[in-house]
């Protein structure tokens, strides 16, 4: 899993990716984000054949968070071909996140 640090990296790793991308937005000071981190890591591994995963710290990349209308954290987006396919706000159980990913690609 890569950590996006700037706009150029976001462009290359997410927007121009050949594979769909699961993007997790978080902050180091955010308690729910810290609790959700192991879930995101596990989901990233289990869904690795469908999506690649990246994380973005909203404090380091506030412009990317703003451009994606992130209003609460943790939040996740699924990007494909440079476009947002789906959004999930707030932490959720692993099973719910995996189902959300699967449903995004079966709708």
N, C-alpha and C. Protein backbone atom coordinates (compact mmCIF):
# COMPACT_ATOMS: atom_id res chain seq x y z
N UNK A 1 0.85 -1.18 0.00
CA UNK A 1 0.00 0.00 0.00
C UNK A 1 0.89 1.24 0.00
N UNK A 2 0.58 2.16 -0.87
CA UNK A 2 1.34 3.41 -0.96
C UNK A 2 0.65 4.52 -0.18
N UNK A 3 1.46 5.44 0.32
CA UNK A 3 0.96 6.64 0.97
C UNK A 3 1.20 7.80 0.02
N UNK A 4 0.14 8.48 -0.38
CA UNK A 4 0.22 9.60 -1.30
C UNK A 4 0.66 10.83 -0.52
N UNK A 5 1.69 11.51 -1.02
CA UNK A 5 2.26 12.67 -0.33
C UNK A 5 2.05 13.99 -1.05
N UNK A 6 1.66 13.95 -2.35
CA UNK A 6 1.51 15.20 -3.11
C UNK A 6 0.63 14.98 -4.33
N UNK A 7 0.32 16.07 -5.01
CA UNK A 7 -0.57 16.02 -6.18
C UNK A 7 0.01 15.19 -7.32
N UNK A 8 1.31 15.28 -7.54
CA UNK A 8 1.94 14.52 -8.62
C UNK A 8 1.81 13.02 -8.37
N UNK A 9 2.03 12.63 -7.15
CA UNK A 9 1.92 11.21 -6.80
C UNK A 9 0.45 10.75 -6.91
N UNK A 10 -0.49 11.60 -6.51
CA UNK A 10 -1.91 11.28 -6.65
C UNK A 10 -2.26 11.09 -8.12
N UNK A 11 -1.76 11.96 -8.95
CA UNK A 11 -2.01 11.88 -10.39
C UNK A 11 -1.49 10.56 -10.96
N UNK A 12 -0.26 10.19 -10.61
CA UNK A 12 0.33 8.98 -11.17
C UNK A 12 -0.23 7.71 -10.56
N UNK A 13 -0.45 7.70 -9.25
CA UNK A 13 -0.88 6.48 -8.55
C UNK A 13 -2.39 6.23 -8.62
N UNK A 14 -3.18 7.30 -8.75
CA UNK A 14 -4.64 7.15 -8.70
C UNK A 14 -5.28 7.49 -10.05
N UNK A 15 -5.11 8.73 -10.46
CA UNK A 15 -5.78 9.19 -11.69
C UNK A 15 -5.33 8.40 -12.91
N UNK A 16 -4.04 8.15 -13.05
CA UNK A 16 -3.51 7.47 -14.23
C UNK A 16 -3.30 5.97 -14.03
N UNK A 17 -3.85 5.41 -12.98
CA UNK A 17 -3.67 3.99 -12.71
C UNK A 17 -4.41 3.12 -13.73
N UNK A 18 -3.77 2.04 -14.14
CA UNK A 18 -4.41 1.07 -15.03
C UNK A 18 -5.41 0.19 -14.28
N UNK A 19 -5.28 0.16 -12.97
CA UNK A 19 -6.12 -0.69 -12.12
C UNK A 19 -6.99 0.22 -11.26
N UNK A 20 -8.21 -0.21 -10.91
CA UNK A 20 -9.01 0.58 -9.97
C UNK A 20 -8.24 0.78 -8.66
N UNK A 21 -8.53 1.91 -7.99
CA UNK A 21 -7.78 2.27 -6.78
C UNK A 21 -8.74 2.55 -5.63
N UNK A 22 -8.49 1.90 -4.50
CA UNK A 22 -9.18 2.18 -3.25
C UNK A 22 -8.36 3.24 -2.52
N UNK A 23 -8.96 4.40 -2.30
CA UNK A 23 -8.26 5.52 -1.67
C UNK A 23 -8.84 5.73 -0.28
N UNK A 24 -7.99 5.64 0.74
CA UNK A 24 -8.40 5.87 2.11
C UNK A 24 -7.89 7.21 2.62
N UNK A 25 -8.80 8.05 3.08
CA UNK A 25 -8.44 9.35 3.65
C UNK A 25 -8.44 9.24 5.17
N UNK A 26 -7.41 9.80 5.81
CA UNK A 26 -7.25 9.69 7.26
C UNK A 26 -6.44 10.86 7.78
N UNK A 27 -6.30 10.92 9.11
CA UNK A 27 -5.39 11.86 9.77
C UNK A 27 -4.79 11.15 10.98
N UNK A 28 -3.57 11.49 11.30
CA UNK A 28 -2.88 10.84 12.43
C UNK A 28 -3.58 11.10 13.76
N UNK A 29 -4.20 12.26 13.92
CA UNK A 29 -4.84 12.65 15.18
C UNK A 29 -6.25 12.07 15.33
N UNK A 30 -6.77 11.45 14.30
CA UNK A 30 -8.16 10.98 14.26
C UNK A 30 -8.28 9.59 14.89
N UNK A 31 -8.97 9.53 16.03
CA UNK A 31 -9.17 8.26 16.73
C UNK A 31 -9.85 7.20 15.88
N UNK A 32 -11.00 7.52 15.27
CA UNK A 32 -11.66 6.53 14.41
C UNK A 32 -10.76 6.06 13.25
N UNK A 33 -9.92 6.96 12.75
CA UNK A 33 -9.00 6.58 11.67
C UNK A 33 -7.99 5.54 12.17
N UNK A 34 -7.48 5.75 13.39
CA UNK A 34 -6.52 4.81 13.96
C UNK A 34 -7.17 3.45 14.21
N UNK A 35 -8.42 3.46 14.67
CA UNK A 35 -9.15 2.21 14.90
C UNK A 35 -9.45 1.50 13.59
N UNK A 36 -9.69 2.27 12.53
CA UNK A 36 -10.05 1.70 11.24
C UNK A 36 -8.82 1.23 10.44
N UNK A 37 -7.65 1.71 10.77
CA UNK A 37 -6.43 1.40 10.00
C UNK A 37 -6.21 -0.10 9.79
N UNK A 38 -6.35 -0.96 10.82
CA UNK A 38 -6.15 -2.39 10.58
C UNK A 38 -7.20 -2.99 9.65
N UNK A 39 -8.41 -2.44 9.70
CA UNK A 39 -9.47 -2.91 8.79
C UNK A 39 -9.10 -2.56 7.36
N UNK A 40 -8.67 -1.32 7.14
CA UNK A 40 -8.28 -0.88 5.80
C UNK A 40 -7.14 -1.73 5.27
N UNK A 41 -6.18 -2.01 6.12
CA UNK A 41 -5.03 -2.84 5.73
C UNK A 41 -5.49 -4.24 5.32
N UNK A 42 -6.35 -4.84 6.11
CA UNK A 42 -6.86 -6.17 5.80
C UNK A 42 -7.68 -6.18 4.52
N UNK A 43 -8.55 -5.19 4.36
CA UNK A 43 -9.36 -5.08 3.15
C UNK A 43 -8.45 -4.91 1.94
N UNK A 44 -7.41 -4.11 2.08
CA UNK A 44 -6.47 -3.88 0.98
C UNK A 44 -5.85 -5.19 0.50
N UNK A 45 -5.50 -6.04 1.44
CA UNK A 45 -4.90 -7.33 1.09
C UNK A 45 -5.94 -8.25 0.45
N UNK A 46 -7.12 -8.32 1.04
CA UNK A 46 -8.14 -9.24 0.54
C UNK A 46 -8.71 -8.82 -0.81
N UNK A 47 -8.76 -7.53 -1.07
CA UNK A 47 -9.32 -7.03 -2.33
C UNK A 47 -8.23 -6.69 -3.34
N UNK A 48 -7.02 -7.13 -3.08
CA UNK A 48 -5.87 -6.79 -3.91
C UNK A 48 -5.97 -7.19 -5.36
N UNK A 49 -6.79 -8.19 -5.68
CA UNK A 49 -6.95 -8.59 -7.07
C UNK A 49 -7.88 -7.64 -7.82
N UNK A 50 -8.78 -6.98 -7.09
CA UNK A 50 -9.73 -6.04 -7.70
C UNK A 50 -9.21 -4.61 -7.75
N UNK A 51 -8.56 -4.20 -6.67
CA UNK A 51 -8.12 -2.81 -6.54
C UNK A 51 -6.73 -2.74 -5.92
N UNK A 52 -6.00 -1.69 -6.26
CA UNK A 52 -4.80 -1.38 -5.49
C UNK A 52 -5.23 -0.35 -4.45
N UNK A 53 -4.50 -0.23 -3.38
CA UNK A 53 -4.90 0.65 -2.27
C UNK A 53 -3.84 1.69 -1.99
N UNK A 54 -4.32 2.90 -1.69
CA UNK A 54 -3.45 3.99 -1.27
C UNK A 54 -4.12 4.71 -0.10
N UNK A 55 -3.29 5.38 0.69
CA UNK A 55 -3.82 6.19 1.79
C UNK A 55 -3.34 7.63 1.63
N UNK A 56 -4.21 8.55 2.05
CA UNK A 56 -3.90 9.97 1.95
C UNK A 56 -4.19 10.63 3.29
N UNK A 57 -3.17 11.25 3.87
CA UNK A 57 -3.32 12.00 5.10
C UNK A 57 -3.89 13.37 4.74
N UNK A 58 -5.08 13.69 5.25
CA UNK A 58 -5.74 14.94 4.89
C UNK A 58 -4.97 16.17 5.36
N UNK A 59 -4.15 16.03 6.39
CA UNK A 59 -3.34 17.15 6.86
C UNK A 59 -2.19 17.45 5.90
N UNK A 60 -1.66 16.42 5.27
CA UNK A 60 -0.57 16.60 4.31
C UNK A 60 -1.07 16.97 2.92
N UNK A 61 -2.26 16.52 2.59
CA UNK A 61 -2.81 16.69 1.23
C UNK A 61 -4.23 17.23 1.29
N UNK A 62 -4.40 18.34 1.98
CA UNK A 62 -5.72 18.93 2.14
C UNK A 62 -6.37 19.31 0.82
N UNK A 63 -5.57 19.71 -0.16
CA UNK A 63 -6.12 20.07 -1.46
C UNK A 63 -6.74 18.86 -2.15
N UNK A 64 -6.12 17.70 -2.02
CA UNK A 64 -6.68 16.48 -2.62
C UNK A 64 -7.97 16.11 -1.91
N UNK A 65 -7.98 16.22 -0.59
CA UNK A 65 -9.20 15.93 0.18
C UNK A 65 -10.32 16.89 -0.23
N UNK A 66 -10.00 18.17 -0.35
CA UNK A 66 -11.00 19.16 -0.76
C UNK A 66 -11.51 18.89 -2.16
N UNK A 67 -10.61 18.58 -3.08
CA UNK A 67 -11.01 18.29 -4.46
C UNK A 67 -11.94 17.09 -4.54
N UNK A 68 -11.85 16.19 -3.54
CA UNK A 68 -12.68 14.99 -3.52
C UNK A 68 -13.86 15.13 -2.56
N UNK A 69 -14.10 16.35 -2.08
CA UNK A 69 -15.24 16.64 -1.19
C UNK A 69 -15.25 15.77 0.06
N UNK A 70 -14.07 15.51 0.62
CA UNK A 70 -13.98 14.72 1.85
C UNK A 70 -14.35 15.63 3.01
N UNK A 71 -15.46 15.31 3.67
CA UNK A 71 -15.95 16.13 4.78
C UNK A 71 -15.78 15.46 6.13
N UNK A 72 -15.56 14.14 6.12
CA UNK A 72 -15.33 13.42 7.37
C UNK A 72 -14.30 12.32 7.10
N UNK A 73 -13.60 11.95 8.16
CA UNK A 73 -12.62 10.88 8.06
C UNK A 73 -12.85 9.88 9.18
N UNK A 74 -12.54 8.62 8.94
CA UNK A 74 -12.01 8.07 7.70
C UNK A 74 -13.08 8.03 6.60
N UNK A 75 -12.63 8.18 5.38
CA UNK A 75 -13.48 8.06 4.20
C UNK A 75 -12.71 7.30 3.14
N UNK A 76 -13.45 6.64 2.26
CA UNK A 76 -12.83 5.90 1.17
C UNK A 76 -13.52 6.21 -0.15
N UNK A 77 -12.73 6.22 -1.19
CA UNK A 77 -13.23 6.37 -2.55
C UNK A 77 -12.69 5.23 -3.38
N UNK A 78 -13.44 4.83 -4.39
CA UNK A 78 -12.92 3.91 -5.39
C UNK A 78 -12.83 4.70 -6.70
N UNK A 79 -11.63 4.75 -7.24
CA UNK A 79 -11.36 5.41 -8.51
C UNK A 79 -11.17 4.35 -9.59
N UNK A 80 -11.66 4.63 -10.78
CA UNK A 80 -11.38 3.80 -11.95
C UNK A 80 -11.29 4.73 -13.15
N UNK A 81 -10.23 4.57 -13.93
CA UNK A 81 -10.01 5.40 -15.12
C UNK A 81 -10.08 6.89 -14.79
N UNK A 82 -9.52 7.27 -13.65
CA UNK A 82 -9.45 8.67 -13.26
C UNK A 82 -10.73 9.27 -12.71
N UNK A 83 -11.77 8.47 -12.55
CA UNK A 83 -13.06 8.95 -12.06
C UNK A 83 -13.47 8.22 -10.79
N UNK A 84 -14.18 8.92 -9.91
CA UNK A 84 -14.68 8.30 -8.68
C UNK A 84 -15.90 7.44 -9.04
N UNK A 85 -15.83 6.17 -8.69
CA UNK A 85 -16.94 5.25 -8.89
C UNK A 85 -17.88 5.22 -7.69
N UNK A 86 -17.28 5.29 -6.50
CA UNK A 86 -18.08 5.14 -5.29
C UNK A 86 -17.37 5.77 -4.10
N UNK A 87 -18.16 6.13 -3.08
CA UNK A 87 -17.64 6.76 -1.87
C UNK A 87 -18.25 6.08 -0.66
N UNK A 88 -17.42 5.84 0.36
CA UNK A 88 -17.92 5.31 1.64
C UNK A 88 -17.32 6.18 2.73
N UNK A 89 -18.18 6.87 3.47
CA UNK A 89 -17.72 7.71 4.56
C UNK A 89 -17.78 6.96 5.88
N UNK A 90 -16.89 7.31 6.76
CA UNK A 90 -16.82 6.75 8.11
C UNK A 90 -16.31 5.32 8.12
N UNK A 91 -15.90 4.90 9.28
CA UNK A 91 -15.39 3.54 9.46
C UNK A 91 -16.54 2.55 9.38
N UNK A 92 -16.23 1.36 8.92
CA UNK A 92 -17.22 0.30 8.81
C UNK A 92 -16.53 -1.03 9.08
N UNK A 93 -17.31 -2.05 9.44
CA UNK A 93 -16.70 -3.37 9.62
C UNK A 93 -16.09 -3.88 8.31
N UNK A 94 -15.10 -4.71 8.44
CA UNK A 94 -14.39 -5.24 7.27
C UNK A 94 -15.33 -5.87 6.25
N UNK A 95 -16.26 -6.66 6.71
CA UNK A 95 -17.21 -7.32 5.80
C UNK A 95 -18.01 -6.30 4.98
N UNK A 96 -18.42 -5.22 5.62
CA UNK A 96 -19.18 -4.18 4.92
C UNK A 96 -18.32 -3.49 3.86
N UNK A 97 -17.07 -3.24 4.17
CA UNK A 97 -16.18 -2.58 3.22
C UNK A 97 -15.92 -3.51 2.03
N UNK A 98 -15.67 -4.78 2.30
CA UNK A 98 -15.45 -5.74 1.21
C UNK A 98 -16.70 -5.85 0.33
N UNK A 99 -17.87 -5.91 0.94
CA UNK A 99 -19.11 -5.98 0.17
C UNK A 99 -19.30 -4.73 -0.68
N UNK A 100 -18.98 -3.56 -0.12
CA UNK A 100 -19.08 -2.31 -0.86
C UNK A 100 -18.18 -2.34 -2.10
N UNK A 101 -16.96 -2.83 -1.93
CA UNK A 101 -16.03 -2.93 -3.07
C UNK A 101 -16.61 -3.86 -4.13
N UNK A 102 -17.06 -5.02 -3.71
CA UNK A 102 -17.62 -5.99 -4.66
C UNK A 102 -18.84 -5.43 -5.37
N UNK A 103 -19.72 -4.78 -4.62
CA UNK A 103 -20.92 -4.21 -5.21
C UNK A 103 -20.59 -3.11 -6.21
N UNK A 104 -19.53 -2.37 -5.95
CA UNK A 104 -19.12 -1.30 -6.87
C UNK A 104 -18.80 -1.87 -8.25
N UNK A 105 -18.26 -3.08 -8.29
CA UNK A 105 -17.86 -3.66 -9.57
C UNK A 105 -18.89 -4.62 -10.16
N UNK A 106 -19.98 -4.85 -9.45
CA UNK A 106 -21.02 -5.74 -9.98
C UNK A 106 -22.29 -5.01 -10.33
N UNK A 107 -22.34 -3.70 -10.10
CA UNK A 107 -23.54 -2.94 -10.42
C UNK A 107 -23.60 -2.60 -11.89
